[in-house]
Every structure is written in structure tokens, then in C-alpha cells.
């Protein structure tokens, strides 16, 4: 059982991860691979609304997605977007990246190779990865404007959509830890964490939501 305290703490961490950017027209949409096909749905929706002419889906596989997406996250994302009405010609696939930094660096290189002029990026991720994705892109893709977005949903709606309560909270905690430690490693820009959010994170770690923590 997950306690009421842990649910409250998880909701507070969730809220901090959201950037609250308003999606707007950009040079390109970059969809970050993961276990969540909702990222592909959101990216396809933004393209079909006319917010960017090109989508890059980026991601190989991970222990979480190896069985769910055996052809690779980016490939499954492309297939989903095409099912939703996005022309195949509008989608580029980067199928090697294994972390957020590689997602950004490899997508940037792919777009340069394709001759796509990029001044702004609509960066689409899972909701609780918005801030981490933004901070990583600001560090590794300077000179372009980053708009960080995801499928609009509440914490409760997202947990229900995934169907694994503990995994979602573990992911929230892991993403917050990276906001705390990755800037010093040069992986992302600094993102201040309010004291109340840091306290919620520490309580969740103490409650055992640690499977996504790095050593």
C-alpha cells in the first residue's frame, strides 16, 4: 500500500516537474523515447495542429521498454504517429540514444545532417520529464529556444494511464534526483528545487521509492 503522505509528496514532486510552457509553433518537434506512447500521441497532435513541419522521434531501448517496444522506442513512436495521421515524410527517426543527453545530441546531429534549420524546438516528453528535458536541452543545444511540453493530464490521470503506481512514483523520484545532481556533472542547467519539493523527495526516498535512483 502507498500511504496518503507518499501520494501527497508524489503529487508535489509531479507539480515541480511540469514547466507550464504553452506549446507554440517551432522549427521542429522532438519526441523523447520512453515506455509511454503518450509522448508519440502528443507529438503527433502538435504536428497535426501545425506547430512544426518535422518530428524527430529519438530513442533506442531500455530495460523498461525492451519487451514493450522491441523495434526501439523511436520506431514504435513513428508507427504510432503515422497511425494518427502524420505523413511518414514528416518524421525522422533517431534510434540510438539511450538517455536524455543522447536524445538531444543525436537529434541535433540528425537535423543538421538533414539540413533542417532549427531556431526553436518543441520538446515533447512524459509530463514528469518536462523540467529534466528542458534543462538538458538548454545545456546541450544552446542558441535555440526550447518549449517543453507533454500530454496535458493530472497526476492521477497519468498514474491511471500507466497502470503501475509504484513505478510512476519511482520515476518521479529518479527524475528529481537527476535535477539535483546532474548540473554539477555538466549534463544539464541548474534548476532550483524549492525546499518543500526537496522535503517531499526525501520522504519518498525514505519510504522506499528508490528503484530509479542513480548511485
C-alpha atoms as a PDB file:
ATOM      1  CA  UNK A   1       0.000   0.000   0.000  1.00  0.00           C
ATOM      2  CA  UNK A   2       1.089   3.555  -0.746  1.00  0.00           C
ATOM      3  CA  UNK A   3       0.389   5.917   2.141  1.00  0.00           C
ATOM      4  CA  UNK A   4      -1.577   9.152   1.858  1.00  0.00           C
ATOM      5  CA  UNK A   5       1.630  11.008   2.795  1.00  0.00           C
ATOM      6  CA  UNK A   6       3.513   9.435  -0.091  1.00  0.00           C
ATOM      7  CA  UNK A   7       0.719  10.201  -2.551  1.00  0.00           C
ATOM      8  CA  UNK A   8       0.759  13.833  -1.425  1.00  0.00           C
ATOM      9  CA  UNK A   9       4.544  14.012  -1.705  1.00  0.00           C
ATOM     10  CA  UNK A  10       4.478  12.415  -5.159  1.00  0.00           C
ATOM     11  CA  UNK A  11       1.886  14.939  -6.351  1.00  0.00           C
ATOM     12  CA  UNK A  12       4.114  17.783  -5.135  1.00  0.00           C
ATOM     13  CA  UNK A  13       7.149  16.369  -6.993  1.00  0.00           C
ATOM     14  CA  UNK A  14       4.983  15.877 -10.097  1.00  0.00           C
ATOM     15  CA  UNK A  15       3.903  19.536  -9.997  1.00  0.00           C
ATOM     16  CA  UNK A  16       7.529  20.670  -9.829  1.00  0.00           C
ATOM     17  CA  UNK A  17       8.485  18.642 -12.904  1.00  0.00           C
ATOM     18  CA  UNK A  18       5.921  20.493 -15.051  1.00  0.00           C
ATOM     19  CA  UNK A  19       7.261  23.566 -16.863  1.00  0.00           C
ATOM     20  CA  UNK A  20       3.844  25.016 -17.799  1.00  0.00           C
ATOM     21  CA  UNK A  21       5.091  26.174 -21.204  1.00  0.00           C
ATOM     22  CA  UNK A  22       2.393  26.921 -23.768  1.00  0.00           C
ATOM     23  CA  UNK A  23       3.008  24.880 -26.944  1.00  0.00           C
ATOM     24  CA  UNK A  24       3.582  27.189 -29.892  1.00  0.00           C
ATOM     25  CA  UNK A  25       4.945  26.984 -33.461  1.00  0.00           C
ATOM     26  CA  UNK A  26       8.585  25.853 -33.545  1.00  0.00           C
ATOM     27  CA  UNK A  27      11.110  24.732 -36.153  1.00  0.00           C
ATOM     28  CA  UNK A  28      10.820  21.099 -35.138  1.00  0.00           C
ATOM     29  CA  UNK A  29       9.161  18.751 -32.668  1.00  0.00           C
ATOM     30  CA  UNK A  30      11.476  16.351 -30.820  1.00  0.00           C
ATOM     31  CA  UNK A  31       9.738  13.445 -29.080  1.00  0.00           C
ATOM     32  CA  UNK A  32      11.839  11.777 -26.396  1.00  0.00           C
ATOM     33  CA  UNK A  33      11.595   7.993 -26.336  1.00  0.00           C
ATOM     34  CA  UNK A  34      10.337   6.127 -23.267  1.00  0.00           C
ATOM     35  CA  UNK A  35       7.858   3.451 -22.205  1.00  0.00           C
ATOM     36  CA  UNK A  36       4.997   5.925 -22.711  1.00  0.00           C
ATOM     37  CA  UNK A  37       3.349   6.056 -26.152  1.00  0.00           C
ATOM     38  CA  UNK A  38       1.542   9.162 -24.939  1.00  0.00           C
ATOM     39  CA  UNK A  39       4.675  11.071 -25.962  1.00  0.00           C
ATOM     40  CA  UNK A  40       4.098   9.996 -29.563  1.00  0.00           C
ATOM     41  CA  UNK A  41       0.422  10.906 -29.286  1.00  0.00           C
ATOM     42  CA  UNK A  42       1.264  14.387 -28.024  1.00  0.00           C
ATOM     43  CA  UNK A  43       3.947  14.976 -30.678  1.00  0.00           C
ATOM     44  CA  UNK A  44       1.594  13.831 -33.428  1.00  0.00           C
ATOM     45  CA  UNK A  45      -1.125  16.118 -32.099  1.00  0.00           C
ATOM     46  CA  UNK A  46       1.193  19.112 -32.102  1.00  0.00           C
ATOM     47  CA  UNK A  47       2.251  18.366 -35.686  1.00  0.00           C
ATOM     48  CA  UNK A  48      -1.333  17.958 -36.855  1.00  0.00           C
ATOM     49  CA  UNK A  49      -2.145  21.320 -35.261  1.00  0.00           C
ATOM     50  CA  UNK A  50       0.555  22.842 -37.450  1.00  0.00           C
ATOM     51  CA  UNK A  51       3.048  23.646 -34.690  1.00  0.00           C
ATOM     52  CA  UNK A  52       6.058  22.219 -36.609  1.00  0.00           C
ATOM     53  CA  UNK A  53       6.637  20.692 -40.055  1.00  0.00           C
ATOM     54  CA  UNK A  54       9.005  17.951 -38.863  1.00  0.00           C
ATOM     55  CA  UNK A  55       9.041  15.490 -35.953  1.00  0.00           C
ATOM     56  CA  UNK A  56      12.151  13.718 -34.703  1.00  0.00           C
ATOM     57  CA  UNK A  57      11.476  10.679 -32.563  1.00  0.00           C
ATOM     58  CA  UNK A  58      14.558   9.647 -30.597  1.00  0.00           C
ATOM     59  CA  UNK A  59      15.296   6.582 -28.505  1.00  0.00           C
ATOM     60  CA  UNK A  60      16.671   3.058 -28.601  1.00  0.00           C
ATOM     61  CA  UNK A  61      15.501   0.621 -25.912  1.00  0.00           C
ATOM     62  CA  UNK A  62      15.949   0.330 -22.171  1.00  0.00           C
ATOM     63  CA  UNK A  63      15.233  -2.384 -19.612  1.00  0.00           C
ATOM     64  CA  UNK A  64      11.777  -0.795 -19.246  1.00  0.00           C
ATOM     65  CA  UNK A  65      10.981  -0.847 -22.979  1.00  0.00           C
ATOM     66  CA  UNK A  66      12.877  -3.826 -24.377  1.00  0.00           C
ATOM     67  CA  UNK A  67       9.859  -6.127 -24.388  1.00  0.00           C
ATOM     68  CA  UNK A  68       7.222  -3.431 -24.859  1.00  0.00           C
ATOM     69  CA  UNK A  69       8.970  -1.806 -27.849  1.00  0.00           C
ATOM     70  CA  UNK A  70      11.308  -4.422 -29.343  1.00  0.00           C
ATOM     71  CA  UNK A  71      11.946  -2.418 -32.525  1.00  0.00           C
ATOM     72  CA  UNK A  72      13.075   0.570 -30.482  1.00  0.00           C
ATOM     73  CA  UNK A  73      11.217   3.454 -28.879  1.00  0.00           C
ATOM     74  CA  UNK A  74      11.644   5.874 -31.790  1.00  0.00           C
ATOM     75  CA  UNK A  75      10.436   3.307 -34.327  1.00  0.00           C
ATOM     76  CA  UNK A  76       7.314   2.496 -32.304  1.00  0.00           C
ATOM     77  CA  UNK A  77       6.689   6.221 -31.822  1.00  0.00           C
ATOM     78  CA  UNK A  78       6.873   6.791 -35.593  1.00  0.00           C
ATOM     79  CA  UNK A  79       4.448   3.943 -36.224  1.00  0.00           C
ATOM     80  CA  UNK A  80       2.017   5.407 -33.691  1.00  0.00           C
ATOM     81  CA  UNK A  81       2.268   8.900 -35.194  1.00  0.00           C
ATOM     82  CA  UNK A  82       1.631   7.578 -38.711  1.00  0.00           C
ATOM     83  CA  UNK A  83      -1.425   5.696 -37.400  1.00  0.00           C
ATOM     84  CA  UNK A  84      -2.668   9.032 -36.062  1.00  0.00           C
ATOM     85  CA  UNK A  85      -2.337  10.711 -39.460  1.00  0.00           C
ATOM     86  CA  UNK A  86       1.181  12.155 -39.552  1.00  0.00           C
ATOM     87  CA  UNK A  87       2.771  11.669 -43.007  1.00  0.00           C
ATOM     88  CA  UNK A  88       5.789   9.352 -42.954  1.00  0.00           C
ATOM     89  CA  UNK A  89       7.731  12.054 -44.817  1.00  0.00           C
ATOM     90  CA  UNK A  90       7.334  14.386 -41.821  1.00  0.00           C
ATOM     91  CA  UNK A  91       9.038  12.005 -39.364  1.00  0.00           C
ATOM     92  CA  UNK A  92      12.746  11.461 -38.781  1.00  0.00           C
ATOM     93  CA  UNK A  93      13.912   8.600 -36.555  1.00  0.00           C
ATOM     94  CA  UNK A  94      16.959   8.625 -34.303  1.00  0.00           C
ATOM     95  CA  UNK A  95      17.191   5.093 -32.934  1.00  0.00           C
ATOM     96  CA  UNK A  96      20.474   5.034 -30.990  1.00  0.00           C
ATOM     97  CA  UNK A  97      20.004   7.341 -27.984  1.00  0.00           C
ATOM     98  CA  UNK A  98      19.880   5.656 -24.574  1.00  0.00           C
ATOM     99  CA  UNK A  99      19.499   8.663 -22.265  1.00  0.00           C
ATOM    100  CA  UNK A 100      18.171  12.212 -22.360  1.00  0.00           C
ATOM    101  CA  UNK A 101      21.549  13.750 -23.182  1.00  0.00           C
ATOM    102  CA  UNK A 102      21.962  11.431 -26.158  1.00  0.00           C
ATOM    103  CA  UNK A 103      18.363  12.142 -27.213  1.00  0.00           C
ATOM    104  CA  UNK A 104      19.249  15.815 -27.504  1.00  0.00           C
ATOM    105  CA  UNK A 105      22.720  15.460 -29.010  1.00  0.00           C
ATOM    106  CA  UNK A 106      21.790  12.795 -31.550  1.00  0.00           C
ATOM    107  CA  UNK A 107      18.599  14.607 -32.601  1.00  0.00           C
ATOM    108  CA  UNK A 108      20.555  17.804 -33.094  1.00  0.00           C
ATOM    109  CA  UNK A 109      23.107  15.984 -35.268  1.00  0.00           C
ATOM    110  CA  UNK A 110      20.374  14.255 -37.300  1.00  0.00           C
ATOM    111  CA  UNK A 111      18.651  17.558 -38.039  1.00  0.00           C
ATOM    112  CA  UNK A 112      21.926  19.185 -39.038  1.00  0.00           C
ATOM    113  CA  UNK A 113      22.645  16.266 -41.371  1.00  0.00           C
ATOM    114  CA  UNK A 114      19.154  16.595 -42.880  1.00  0.00           C
ATOM    115  CA  UNK A 115      19.681  20.308 -43.463  1.00  0.00           C
ATOM    116  CA  UNK A 116      16.835  21.407 -41.182  1.00  0.00           C
ATOM    117  CA  UNK A 117      17.348  24.946 -39.902  1.00  0.00           C
ATOM    118  CA  UNK A 118      16.452  24.950 -36.208  1.00  0.00           C
ATOM    119  CA  UNK A 119      15.855  28.084 -34.165  1.00  0.00           C
ATOM    120  CA  UNK A 120      13.276  26.620 -31.767  1.00  0.00           C
ATOM    121  CA  UNK A 121      12.348  23.144 -30.524  1.00  0.00           C
ATOM    122  CA  UNK A 122       9.042  21.871 -29.200  1.00  0.00           C
ATOM    123  CA  UNK A 123      10.477  19.240 -26.866  1.00  0.00           C
ATOM    124  CA  UNK A 124       7.910  16.556 -26.020  1.00  0.00           C
ATOM    125  CA  UNK A 125       8.407  14.184 -23.106  1.00  0.00           C
ATOM    126  CA  UNK A 126       6.480  12.431 -20.371  1.00  0.00           C
ATOM    127  CA  UNK A 127       4.897  15.050 -18.072  1.00  0.00           C
ATOM    128  CA  UNK A 128       7.292  14.372 -15.201  1.00  0.00           C
ATOM    129  CA  UNK A 129      10.292  14.700 -17.531  1.00  0.00           C
ATOM    130  CA  UNK A 130       9.435  18.211 -18.764  1.00  0.00           C
ATOM    131  CA  UNK A 131      11.882  20.031 -16.492  1.00  0.00           C
ATOM    132  CA  UNK A 132      14.686  17.495 -16.888  1.00  0.00           C
ATOM    133  CA  UNK A 133      14.296  17.539 -20.685  1.00  0.00           C
ATOM    134  CA  UNK A 134      14.283  21.339 -20.714  1.00  0.00           C
ATOM    135  CA  UNK A 135      17.378  21.633 -18.524  1.00  0.00           C
ATOM    136  CA  UNK A 136      19.247  19.052 -20.620  1.00  0.00           C
ATOM    137  CA  UNK A 137      18.396  20.755 -23.905  1.00  0.00           C
ATOM    138  CA  UNK A 138      19.381  24.188 -22.572  1.00  0.00           C
ATOM    139  CA  UNK A 139      22.800  22.746 -21.714  1.00  0.00           C
ATOM    140  CA  UNK A 140      23.413  20.712 -24.872  1.00  0.00           C
ATOM    141  CA  UNK A 141      21.599  22.757 -27.522  1.00  0.00           C
ATOM    142  CA  UNK A 142      22.461  26.396 -26.790  1.00  0.00           C
ATOM    143  CA  UNK A 143      21.243  29.064 -29.151  1.00  0.00           C
ATOM    144  CA  UNK A 144      17.791  27.595 -29.767  1.00  0.00           C
ATOM    145  CA  UNK A 145      14.579  28.316 -27.897  1.00  0.00           C
ATOM    146  CA  UNK A 146      13.209  25.309 -26.024  1.00  0.00           C
ATOM    147  CA  UNK A 147       9.493  24.871 -25.404  1.00  0.00           C
ATOM    148  CA  UNK A 148       8.970  21.875 -23.103  1.00  0.00           C
ATOM    149  CA  UNK A 149       5.604  20.106 -23.411  1.00  0.00           C
ATOM    150  CA  UNK A 150       3.750  16.858 -22.785  1.00  0.00           C
ATOM    151  CA  UNK A 151       0.254  15.430 -22.844  1.00  0.00           C
ATOM    152  CA  UNK A 152      -1.900  17.635 -20.592  1.00  0.00           C
ATOM    153  CA  UNK A 153      -3.119  15.482 -17.717  1.00  0.00           C
ATOM    154  CA  UNK A 154      -3.287  15.439 -13.949  1.00  0.00           C
ATOM    155  CA  UNK A 155      -1.078  13.293 -11.765  1.00  0.00           C
ATOM    156  CA  UNK A 156      -3.997  10.968 -11.052  1.00  0.00           C
ATOM    157  CA  UNK A 157      -4.840  10.647 -14.758  1.00  0.00           C
ATOM    158  CA  UNK A 158      -1.244   9.822 -15.592  1.00  0.00           C
ATOM    159  CA  UNK A 159      -0.926   7.162 -12.897  1.00  0.00           C
ATOM    160  CA  UNK A 160      -4.161   5.568 -14.127  1.00  0.00           C
ATOM    161  CA  UNK A 161      -2.947   5.630 -17.738  1.00  0.00           C
ATOM    162  CA  UNK A 162       0.284   3.770 -16.865  1.00  0.00           C
ATOM    163  CA  UNK A 163      -1.313   1.254 -14.510  1.00  0.00           C
ATOM    164  CA  UNK A 164       1.699   0.854 -12.221  1.00  0.00           C
ATOM    165  CA  UNK A 165       1.502   3.254  -9.275  1.00  0.00           C
ATOM    166  CA  UNK A 166       4.842   2.408  -7.708  1.00  0.00           C
ATOM    167  CA  UNK A 167       6.753   2.622 -10.995  1.00  0.00           C
ATOM    168  CA  UNK A 168       5.401   6.103 -11.656  1.00  0.00           C
ATOM    169  CA  UNK A 169       6.427   7.357  -8.215  1.00  0.00           C
ATOM    170  CA  UNK A 170       9.841   5.712  -8.580  1.00  0.00           C
ATOM    171  CA  UNK A 171      10.224   7.551 -11.899  1.00  0.00           C
ATOM    172  CA  UNK A 172       9.212  10.873 -10.329  1.00  0.00           C
ATOM    173  CA  UNK A 173      11.810  10.406  -7.605  1.00  0.00           C
ATOM    174  CA  UNK A 174      14.528   9.417 -10.085  1.00  0.00           C
ATOM    175  CA  UNK A 175      13.844  12.429 -12.280  1.00  0.00           C
ATOM    176  CA  UNK A 176      14.042  14.749  -9.257  1.00  0.00           C
ATOM    177  CA  UNK A 177      17.353  13.243  -8.141  1.00  0.00           C
ATOM    178  CA  UNK A 178      18.797  13.992 -11.574  1.00  0.00           C
ATOM    179  CA  UNK A 179      17.718  17.629 -11.286  1.00  0.00           C
ATOM    180  CA  UNK A 180      19.707  17.755  -8.048  1.00  0.00           C
ATOM    181  CA  UNK A 181      22.916  16.024  -9.158  1.00  0.00           C
ATOM    182  CA  UNK A 182      23.263  16.324 -12.932  1.00  0.00           C
ATOM    183  CA  UNK A 183      24.061  20.067 -13.172  1.00  0.00           C
ATOM    184  CA  UNK A 184      27.328  19.507 -11.278  1.00  0.00           C
ATOM    185  CA  UNK A 185      28.205  16.757 -13.756  1.00  0.00           C
ATOM    186  CA  UNK A 186      27.670  19.091 -16.711  1.00  0.00           C
ATOM    187  CA  UNK A 187      24.621  17.215 -18.001  1.00  0.00           C
ATOM    188  CA  UNK A 188      22.035  19.983 -17.610  1.00  0.00           C
ATOM    189  CA  UNK A 189      21.485  23.548 -16.473  1.00  0.00           C
ATOM    190  CA  UNK A 190      20.719  24.303 -12.850  1.00  0.00           C
ATOM    191  CA  UNK A 191      17.042  24.042 -11.913  1.00  0.00           C
ATOM    192  CA  UNK A 192      16.442  25.267  -8.352  1.00  0.00           C
ATOM    193  CA  UNK A 193      14.365  22.847  -6.267  1.00  0.00           C
ATOM    194  CA  UNK A 194      12.143  24.502  -3.629  1.00  0.00           C
ATOM    195  CA  UNK A 195      12.641  23.346  -0.069  1.00  0.00           C
ATOM    196  CA  UNK A 196       9.144  21.843   0.122  1.00  0.00           C
ATOM    197  CA  UNK A 197       9.758  19.775  -3.018  1.00  0.00           C
ATOM    198  CA  UNK A 198      13.139  18.620  -1.717  1.00  0.00           C
ATOM    199  CA  UNK A 199      11.444  17.548   1.519  1.00  0.00           C
ATOM    200  CA  UNK A 200       8.816  15.573  -0.388  1.00  0.00           C
ATOM    201  CA  UNK A 201      11.589  13.894  -2.380  1.00  0.00           C
ATOM    202  CA  UNK A 202      13.499  12.911   0.770  1.00  0.00           C
ATOM    203  CA  UNK A 203      10.383  11.412   2.345  1.00  0.00           C
ATOM    204  CA  UNK A 204       9.677   9.378  -0.797  1.00  0.00           C
ATOM    205  CA  UNK A 205      13.255   8.081  -0.804  1.00  0.00           C
ATOM    206  CA  UNK A 206      12.841   7.170   2.855  1.00  0.00           C
ATOM    207  CA  UNK A 207       9.601   5.377   2.004  1.00  0.00           C
ATOM    208  CA  UNK A 208      11.471   3.148  -0.432  1.00  0.00           C
ATOM    209  CA  UNK A 209      10.716   4.702  -3.838  1.00  0.00           C
ATOM    210  CA  UNK A 210      14.292   4.191  -4.927  1.00  0.00           C
ATOM    211  CA  UNK A 211      14.414   1.840  -7.923  1.00  0.00           C
ATOM    212  CA  UNK A 212      15.212   4.677 -10.364  1.00  0.00           C
ATOM    213  CA  UNK A 213      17.865   6.371  -8.265  1.00  0.00           C
ATOM    214  CA  UNK A 214      21.448   6.538  -9.541  1.00  0.00           C
ATOM    215  CA  UNK A 215      24.306   5.774  -7.201  1.00  0.00           C
END
